[in-house]
């Protein structure tokens, strides 16, 4: 029995793909168009290595792509079949940015075996697997029935009714978890309160994050002072998962009895884009165009889409402008910026950075960034050149 693998992949940093996505995809209520859903984490090679090591018996790997391909991919491998969207999806439905549409057309892949396994690029084979793990001797899939409740993301009353109507299925086969930043006591809240349980999780404050990271370092006999620890959190964000990933790299790098330095964080850690935008704006405020351009080029080198950089830069300058107004009219900066409890440590940074600019400068920069966004979208200007021009003009 021959078994094929099918895998979907997208390069979220491809300029042509980004341009098509911006043209055709509207903002949705559930965030399904978010950049994070399409970001390439540069780990696809590990998927192929896992197949090569743990499932070498695979017949063919059908690699479905918008058209872009990883530079390292060996296109001459006899087991590899490149499938572009237009090969399996009718032209009238292209371009598509919806994995459901692609999966519904998988059966059109030329030469696809009757028995195949579909993967997403975040599903890895990490231990030895055999054909019988996927199909029985009779060729039947080794699977189990899952009943799905199809509901609307946008209407919480509909979700509440769907939960009520399908509570027997949910109780028997699933654990349903809802996460909300702010809880309104609507129909959905009342339904969950009646059928399940509601838990409140407060954001960890900066001091709590620092204590947890410091405890991890101490457990591995690694030193880090308070100044470096604060810089680490400012650079890598307040997500505990991100902080755990980054501190492990640093611990392994400095070794037992070693000390983590600011330079190590700059060298090894993946900084959140908000932190890098802080660095960029700092250099602009100090009129250091050379360093500002280096920060911008580093962002581009890390495959951050230029449109995303523009939006983040605009939002950052908008916050600086709000800080200026809050200080001018004696308002609370934390409320003006709508900061979460675990972000209050940023207030001093925003205040300090806002001091580099006057209100007029900030209004001018915001207007120029908005104009650039408009002119780029109607094809009047190259966005890279436009952004560099704005930065250089301010620093001149």
Protein backbone atom coordinates (compact mmCIF):
# COMPACT_ATOMS: atom_id res chain seq x y z
CA UNK A 1 0.00 0.00 0.00
CA UNK A 2 1.48 3.34 -1.09
CA UNK A 3 0.92 6.35 1.18
CA UNK A 4 1.50 9.97 0.15
CA UNK A 5 1.99 13.00 2.38
CA UNK A 6 0.45 16.37 1.53
CA UNK A 7 1.65 19.54 3.24
CA UNK A 8 0.47 23.16 2.97
CA UNK A 9 3.01 25.99 3.31
CA UNK A 10 3.04 29.76 2.89
CA UNK A 11 5.82 32.34 3.04
CA UNK A 12 4.16 35.28 4.80
CA UNK A 13 7.08 37.57 3.92
CA UNK A 14 6.76 37.22 0.12
CA UNK A 15 6.09 40.80 -1.18
CA UNK A 16 3.86 39.61 -4.04
CA UNK A 17 1.83 37.40 -1.69
CA UNK A 18 1.49 40.28 0.81
CA UNK A 19 0.28 42.61 -1.96
CA UNK A 20 -2.36 40.11 -3.08
CA UNK A 21 -3.46 39.47 0.51
CA UNK A 22 -3.89 43.20 1.21
CA UNK A 23 -5.89 43.57 -1.99
CA UNK A 24 -8.30 40.68 -1.48
CA UNK A 25 -8.52 39.91 2.25
CA UNK A 26 -10.81 42.03 4.42
CA UNK A 27 -10.34 42.42 8.16
CA UNK A 28 -12.35 39.76 9.98
CA UNK A 29 -13.82 39.73 13.44
CA UNK A 30 -11.90 36.61 14.49
CA UNK A 31 -8.45 37.77 13.35
CA UNK A 32 -8.16 35.00 10.75
CA UNK A 33 -6.26 37.40 8.47
CA UNK A 34 -3.67 38.20 11.17
CA UNK A 35 -0.03 38.14 10.05
CA UNK A 36 0.76 35.62 12.79
CA UNK A 37 -1.36 33.01 11.03
CA UNK A 38 0.81 33.25 7.91
CA UNK A 39 4.23 33.92 9.40
CA UNK A 40 7.00 31.51 8.36
CA UNK A 41 8.92 30.46 11.49
CA UNK A 42 11.76 28.99 9.42
CA UNK A 43 11.21 25.47 10.80
CA UNK A 44 9.88 23.74 7.68
CA UNK A 45 13.22 21.99 7.13
CA UNK A 46 12.64 20.14 10.41
CA UNK A 47 9.37 18.79 9.06
CA UNK A 48 11.22 17.32 6.08
CA UNK A 49 13.98 15.97 8.32
CA UNK A 50 11.37 14.32 10.53
CA UNK A 51 9.80 12.60 7.51
CA UNK A 52 13.19 11.54 6.17
CA UNK A 53 14.25 10.05 9.51
CA UNK A 54 11.03 8.66 10.95
CA UNK A 55 8.84 7.92 7.88
CA UNK A 56 11.24 7.10 4.99
CA UNK A 57 8.64 4.75 3.55
CA UNK A 58 6.49 7.63 2.28
CA UNK A 59 5.72 7.34 -1.42
CA UNK A 60 5.44 11.03 -2.45
CA UNK A 61 5.36 14.40 -0.69
CA UNK A 62 2.98 16.83 -2.40
CA UNK A 63 4.06 20.33 -1.38
CA UNK A 64 1.18 22.82 -1.83
CA UNK A 65 2.26 26.45 -2.18
CA UNK A 66 1.05 29.84 -3.40
CA UNK A 67 4.07 29.74 -5.74
CA UNK A 68 7.00 30.63 -3.50
CA UNK A 69 9.49 27.95 -2.40
CA UNK A 70 12.11 27.74 0.35
CA UNK A 71 15.60 28.43 -1.03
CA UNK A 72 17.02 25.27 0.56
CA UNK A 73 14.39 22.88 -0.83
CA UNK A 74 15.85 20.18 -3.12
CA UNK A 75 13.48 20.38 -6.10
CA UNK A 76 15.20 17.42 -7.78
CA UNK A 77 14.23 14.91 -5.09
CA UNK A 78 12.21 12.19 -6.78
CA UNK A 79 9.73 12.02 -3.91
CA UNK A 80 8.89 15.74 -4.03
CA UNK A 81 5.94 17.06 -6.05
CA UNK A 82 5.40 20.84 -6.14
CA UNK A 83 1.70 21.74 -6.30
CA UNK A 84 0.71 25.36 -6.88
CA UNK A 85 -2.73 26.65 -5.99
CA UNK A 86 -3.65 27.08 -9.66
CA UNK A 87 -2.88 23.38 -10.25
CA UNK A 88 -5.83 22.27 -8.11
CA UNK A 89 -8.13 25.27 -7.63
CA UNK A 90 -10.29 26.81 -10.35
CA UNK A 91 -9.12 30.24 -11.50
CA UNK A 92 -12.34 31.94 -10.42
CA UNK A 93 -11.55 31.12 -6.76
CA UNK A 94 -7.98 32.44 -6.82
CA UNK A 95 -6.09 33.87 -5.15
CA UNK A 96 -7.06 32.21 -1.89
CA UNK A 97 -5.66 32.72 1.61
CA UNK A 98 -7.96 30.20 3.27
CA UNK A 99 -6.54 26.77 4.12
CA UNK A 100 -10.07 25.30 4.08
CA UNK A 101 -10.38 26.13 0.37
CA UNK A 102 -7.03 24.48 -0.37
CA UNK A 103 -7.85 21.35 1.64
CA UNK A 104 -11.20 20.96 -0.13
CA UNK A 105 -9.30 20.73 -3.43
CA UNK A 106 -6.54 18.34 -2.35
CA UNK A 107 -8.20 15.44 -4.18
CA UNK A 108 -7.38 17.19 -7.48
CA UNK A 109 -3.63 16.71 -7.05
CA UNK A 110 -2.35 14.77 -10.05
CA UNK A 111 -0.96 11.37 -9.10
CA UNK A 112 -2.20 11.56 -5.51
CA UNK A 113 -2.52 8.08 -3.99
CA UNK A 114 -5.83 6.86 -2.62
CA UNK A 115 -4.16 6.71 0.79
CA UNK A 116 -2.61 10.00 1.88
CA UNK A 117 -1.98 12.00 5.06
CA UNK A 118 -2.53 15.77 5.15
CA UNK A 119 -0.18 17.93 7.23
CA UNK A 120 0.00 21.59 8.16
CA UNK A 121 3.49 23.05 8.47
CA UNK A 122 3.23 23.05 12.27
CA UNK A 123 2.63 19.28 12.50
CA UNK A 124 5.93 17.40 12.92
CA UNK A 125 6.86 13.72 12.99
CA UNK A 126 9.19 13.46 15.99
CA UNK A 127 9.45 9.67 16.46
CA UNK A 128 9.40 6.54 14.33
CA UNK A 129 6.09 5.92 12.56
CA UNK A 130 4.88 3.09 10.34
CA UNK A 131 2.23 2.81 7.68
CA UNK A 132 -0.06 1.00 10.13
CA UNK A 133 -0.09 4.11 12.33
CA UNK A 134 -2.11 5.81 9.59
CA UNK A 135 -3.98 3.00 7.80
CA UNK A 136 -5.11 -0.51 8.75
CA UNK A 137 -4.23 -3.62 6.72
CA UNK A 138 -7.61 -3.20 5.01
CA UNK A 139 -6.66 0.35 3.98
CA UNK A 140 -9.00 2.08 6.41
CA UNK A 141 -7.78 5.24 8.16
CA UNK A 142 -6.65 4.83 11.77
CA UNK A 143 -8.83 7.69 12.91
CA UNK A 144 -11.76 8.44 15.16
CA UNK A 145 -14.96 10.31 14.55
CA UNK A 146 -15.00 13.95 15.60
CA UNK A 147 -18.27 15.86 15.43
CA UNK A 148 -17.79 19.54 14.84
CA UNK A 149 -20.17 22.32 15.73
CA UNK A 150 -20.02 24.98 13.01
CA UNK A 151 -20.81 28.38 14.45
CA UNK A 152 -20.39 32.06 13.66
CA UNK A 153 -17.35 33.73 15.24
CA UNK A 154 -18.89 37.16 15.31
CA UNK A 155 -22.22 36.66 17.09
CA UNK A 156 -21.80 35.60 20.71
CA UNK A 157 -25.51 34.89 21.08
CA UNK A 158 -25.24 32.36 18.24
CA UNK A 159 -22.24 30.77 19.96
CA UNK A 160 -24.24 30.53 23.18
CA UNK A 161 -27.13 28.82 21.39
CA UNK A 162 -24.72 26.45 19.61
CA UNK A 163 -23.24 25.45 22.98
CA UNK A 164 -26.69 24.81 24.42
CA UNK A 165 -27.83 22.81 21.38
CA UNK A 166 -24.68 20.67 21.31
CA UNK A 167 -23.90 20.31 25.00
CA UNK A 168 -24.16 16.49 24.88
CA UNK A 169 -21.52 16.30 22.14
CA UNK A 170 -19.30 18.78 23.96
CA UNK A 171 -19.54 16.90 27.26
CA UNK A 172 -18.80 13.59 25.59
CA UNK A 173 -15.99 14.52 23.22
CA UNK A 174 -14.51 17.95 23.79
CA UNK A 175 -13.23 20.61 26.12
CA UNK A 176 -14.29 24.04 24.92
CA UNK A 177 -12.26 27.00 26.16
CA UNK A 178 -13.18 30.63 25.50
CA UNK A 179 -10.60 33.35 26.08
CA UNK A 180 -11.64 36.98 26.31
CA UNK A 181 -9.61 40.08 27.18
CA UNK A 182 -12.71 41.77 28.55
CA UNK A 183 -15.79 39.93 29.74
CA UNK A 184 -19.24 41.34 29.12
CA UNK A 185 -22.03 39.55 30.95
CA UNK A 186 -23.85 38.72 27.74
CA UNK A 187 -25.71 35.57 26.69
CA UNK A 188 -22.47 33.67 26.09
CA UNK A 189 -21.15 34.57 29.56
CA UNK A 190 -24.38 33.39 31.17
CA UNK A 191 -24.34 30.13 29.18
CA UNK A 192 -20.75 29.31 30.13
CA UNK A 193 -21.46 30.21 33.75
CA UNK A 194 -24.43 27.81 33.70
CA UNK A 195 -22.84 24.89 31.82
CA UNK A 196 -19.19 25.22 32.75
CA UNK A 197 -16.97 27.43 34.84
CA UNK A 198 -15.46 30.90 34.50
CA UNK A 199 -11.93 31.69 35.66
CA UNK A 200 -10.19 35.04 35.78
CA UNK A 201 -6.48 35.22 35.06
CA UNK A 202 -4.78 38.51 35.84
CA UNK A 203 -1.84 39.74 33.80
CA UNK A 204 1.44 39.25 35.61
CA UNK A 205 3.01 42.50 36.68
CA UNK A 206 6.59 43.29 35.59
CA UNK A 207 7.97 42.52 39.04
CA UNK A 208 6.30 39.08 38.93
CA UNK A 209 7.73 38.37 35.49
CA UNK A 210 11.18 39.36 36.72
CA UNK A 211 10.90 37.06 39.75
CA UNK A 212 9.94 34.09 37.58
CA UNK A 213 12.73 34.66 35.06
CA UNK A 214 15.27 35.19 37.85
CA UNK A 215 14.14 31.95 39.54
CA UNK A 216 14.67 30.06 36.27
CA UNK A 217 18.18 31.51 35.93
CA UNK A 218 19.01 30.61 39.53
CA UNK A 219 17.81 27.05 38.96
CA UNK A 220 20.41 26.72 36.18
CA UNK A 221 23.07 28.58 38.23
CA UNK A 222 23.12 31.51 35.80
CA UNK A 223 23.41 35.14 36.91
CA UNK A 224 21.45 38.12 35.61
CA UNK A 225 21.27 41.54 37.28
CA UNK A 226 18.05 43.54 37.64
CA UNK A 227 18.95 46.10 34.95
CA UNK A 228 19.66 43.36 32.38
CA UNK A 229 16.53 41.49 33.44
CA UNK A 230 14.36 44.55 32.85
CA UNK A 231 16.02 45.12 29.46
CA UNK A 232 15.34 41.47 28.59
CA UNK A 233 11.60 41.83 29.30
CA UNK A 234 11.40 45.18 27.50
CA UNK A 235 13.06 43.59 24.45
CA UNK A 236 11.27 40.24 24.32
CA UNK A 237 7.77 41.23 25.47
CA UNK A 238 5.54 40.12 28.32
CA UNK A 239 4.40 36.76 26.93
CA UNK A 240 5.69 34.14 29.36
CA UNK A 241 6.03 31.62 26.54
CA UNK A 242 8.26 33.98 24.53
CA UNK A 243 10.29 34.87 27.61
CA UNK A 244 10.81 31.18 28.45
CA UNK A 245 12.02 30.42 24.93
CA UNK A 246 14.46 33.33 24.91
CA UNK A 247 15.87 32.86 28.42
CA UNK A 248 16.61 29.20 27.68
CA UNK A 249 18.77 30.23 24.73
CA UNK A 250 20.65 32.71 26.86
CA UNK A 251 21.13 30.21 29.71
CA UNK A 252 22.57 27.64 27.32
CA UNK A 253 24.80 30.29 25.74
CA UNK A 254 26.45 31.59 28.94
CA UNK A 255 26.53 28.18 30.67
CA UNK A 256 26.64 27.22 34.35
CA UNK A 257 27.94 30.03 36.59
CA UNK A 258 27.84 32.38 33.62
CA UNK A 259 26.30 35.86 33.59
CA UNK A 260 23.79 37.10 31.02
CA UNK A 261 24.78 40.53 29.67
CA UNK A 262 22.83 43.11 27.68
CA UNK A 263 25.10 42.33 24.71
CA UNK A 264 24.03 38.66 24.85
CA UNK A 265 20.37 39.69 24.59
CA UNK A 266 21.13 41.92 21.59
CA UNK A 267 23.08 39.12 19.96
CA UNK A 268 20.82 36.12 20.54
CA UNK A 269 17.28 37.10 21.48
CA UNK A 270 14.39 37.54 19.08
CA UNK A 271 13.07 40.96 19.99
CA UNK A 272 9.43 41.87 19.69
CA UNK A 273 8.82 44.34 16.88
CA UNK A 274 7.49 46.90 19.39
CA UNK A 275 10.86 46.84 21.14
CA UNK A 276 12.73 47.30 17.86
CA UNK A 277 10.43 50.20 16.93
CA UNK A 278 11.40 51.75 20.29
CA UNK A 279 15.07 51.49 19.24
CA UNK A 280 14.31 52.99 15.82
CA UNK A 281 12.38 55.90 17.31
CA UNK A 282 15.07 56.48 19.94
CA UNK A 283 17.63 56.98 17.19
CA UNK A 284 15.29 59.29 15.30
CA UNK A 285 14.72 61.37 18.43
CA UNK A 286 18.49 61.66 18.87
CA UNK A 287 18.85 62.58 15.17
CA UNK A 288 21.07 59.54 14.61
CA UNK A 289 20.00 58.60 11.11
CA UNK A 290 22.80 56.04 10.60
CA UNK A 291 21.65 53.91 13.54
CA UNK A 292 17.98 54.43 12.66
CA UNK A 293 18.55 53.11 9.14
CA UNK A 294 20.52 50.14 10.50
CA UNK A 295 17.59 49.23 12.76
CA UNK A 296 15.21 49.49 9.80
CA UNK A 297 17.43 47.33 7.59
CA UNK A 298 17.74 44.72 10.35
CA UNK A 299 13.95 44.50 10.54
CA UNK A 300 13.77 43.95 6.79
CA UNK A 301 16.56 41.36 7.00
CA UNK A 302 14.49 39.46 9.57
CA UNK A 303 11.68 39.37 6.97
CA UNK A 304 9.38 41.77 8.78
CA UNK A 305 7.00 43.04 6.06
CA UNK A 306 7.63 46.73 5.29
CA UNK A 307 3.88 47.42 5.55
CA UNK A 308 3.87 46.01 9.08
CA UNK A 309 6.86 48.18 9.98
CA UNK A 310 5.06 51.27 8.65
CA UNK A 311 1.90 50.49 10.66
CA UNK A 312 3.86 49.82 13.86
CA UNK A 313 5.89 53.00 13.40
CA UNK A 314 2.70 55.03 12.88
CA UNK A 315 1.09 53.50 15.99
CA UNK A 316 4.21 54.18 18.02
CA UNK A 317 4.36 57.86 17.04
CA UNK A 318 0.65 58.11 17.78
CA UNK A 319 1.37 56.88 21.33
CA UNK A 320 4.13 59.44 21.71
CA UNK A 321 1.68 62.14 20.62
CA UNK A 322 -0.87 60.91 23.18
CA UNK A 323 1.83 61.03 25.86
CA UNK A 324 2.56 64.64 24.93
CA UNK A 325 -1.10 65.56 25.23
CA UNK A 326 -1.55 63.64 28.50
CA UNK A 327 1.40 65.44 30.08
CA UNK A 328 0.23 68.79 28.71
CA UNK A 329 -3.25 68.43 30.23
CA UNK A 330 -2.19 66.54 33.39
CA UNK A 331 -3.86 63.27 32.41
CA UNK A 332 -2.80 59.76 33.39
CA UNK A 333 -0.37 58.39 30.77
CA UNK A 334 -1.22 54.75 31.54
CA UNK A 335 -4.90 55.39 30.77
CA UNK A 336 -4.09 57.52 27.72
CA UNK A 337 -2.07 54.65 26.22
CA UNK A 338 -4.54 52.00 27.42
CA UNK A 339 -1.68 49.93 28.84
CA UNK A 340 -2.30 46.54 30.43
CA UNK A 341 -1.15 45.99 34.03
CA UNK A 342 1.95 44.08 32.86
CA UNK A 343 2.93 46.97 30.54
CA UNK A 344 3.03 49.80 33.06
CA UNK A 345 6.84 49.68 33.09
CA UNK A 346 6.70 51.21 29.59
CA UNK A 347 5.34 54.54 30.88
CA UNK A 348 8.77 55.94 31.73
CA UNK A 349 10.15 54.82 28.36
CA UNK A 350 7.32 56.52 26.48
CA UNK A 351 7.72 59.70 28.54
CA UNK A 352 11.47 59.77 27.96
CA UNK A 353 11.12 59.18 24.24
CA UNK A 354 8.33 61.74 23.86
CA UNK A 355 10.70 64.36 25.27
CA UNK A 356 12.78 64.11 22.08
CA UNK A 357 9.91 65.45 19.97
CA UNK A 358 7.59 68.44 20.04
CA UNK A 359 3.88 68.27 19.21
CA UNK A 360 4.35 69.80 15.78
CA UNK A 361 7.01 67.26 14.80
CA UNK A 362 4.83 64.37 15.90
CA UNK A 363 1.81 65.67 13.98
CA UNK A 364 3.96 66.12 10.87
CA UNK A 365 5.46 62.64 11.08
CA UNK A 366 2.03 61.05 11.61
CA UNK A 367 0.62 62.89 8.60
CA UNK A 368 3.58 61.91 6.41
CA UNK A 369 3.32 58.25 7.41
CA UNK A 370 -0.43 58.28 6.67
CA UNK A 371 0.21 59.93 3.29
CA UNK A 372 2.86 57.33 2.48
CA UNK A 373 0.44 54.50 3.24
CA UNK A 374 -2.17 56.04 0.92
CA UNK A 375 0.25 56.80 -1.94
CA UNK A 376 1.78 53.32 -1.74
CA UNK A 377 -1.63 51.65 -1.94
CA UNK A 378 -2.56 53.56 -5.11
CA UNK A 379 0.83 52.92 -6.69
CA UNK A 380 2.32 56.42 -6.55
CA UNK A 381 5.41 55.61 -4.50
CA UNK A 382 7.71 52.78 -3.48
CA UNK A 383 7.07 52.19 0.23
CA UNK A 384 10.72 51.46 1.09
CA UNK A 385 11.96 54.66 -0.52
CA UNK A 386 9.09 56.65 0.98
CA UNK A 387 9.75 55.43 4.53
CA UNK A 388 13.51 56.03 4.27
CA UNK A 389 12.81 59.52 2.93
CA UNK A 390 10.57 60.38 5.90
CA UNK A 391 13.21 59.18 8.36
CA UNK A 392 16.05 61.02 6.64
CA UNK A 393 14.01 64.22 6.29
CA UNK A 394 13.23 64.31 10.00
CA UNK A 395 16.88 63.75 10.96
CA UNK A 396 18.26 66.29 8.48
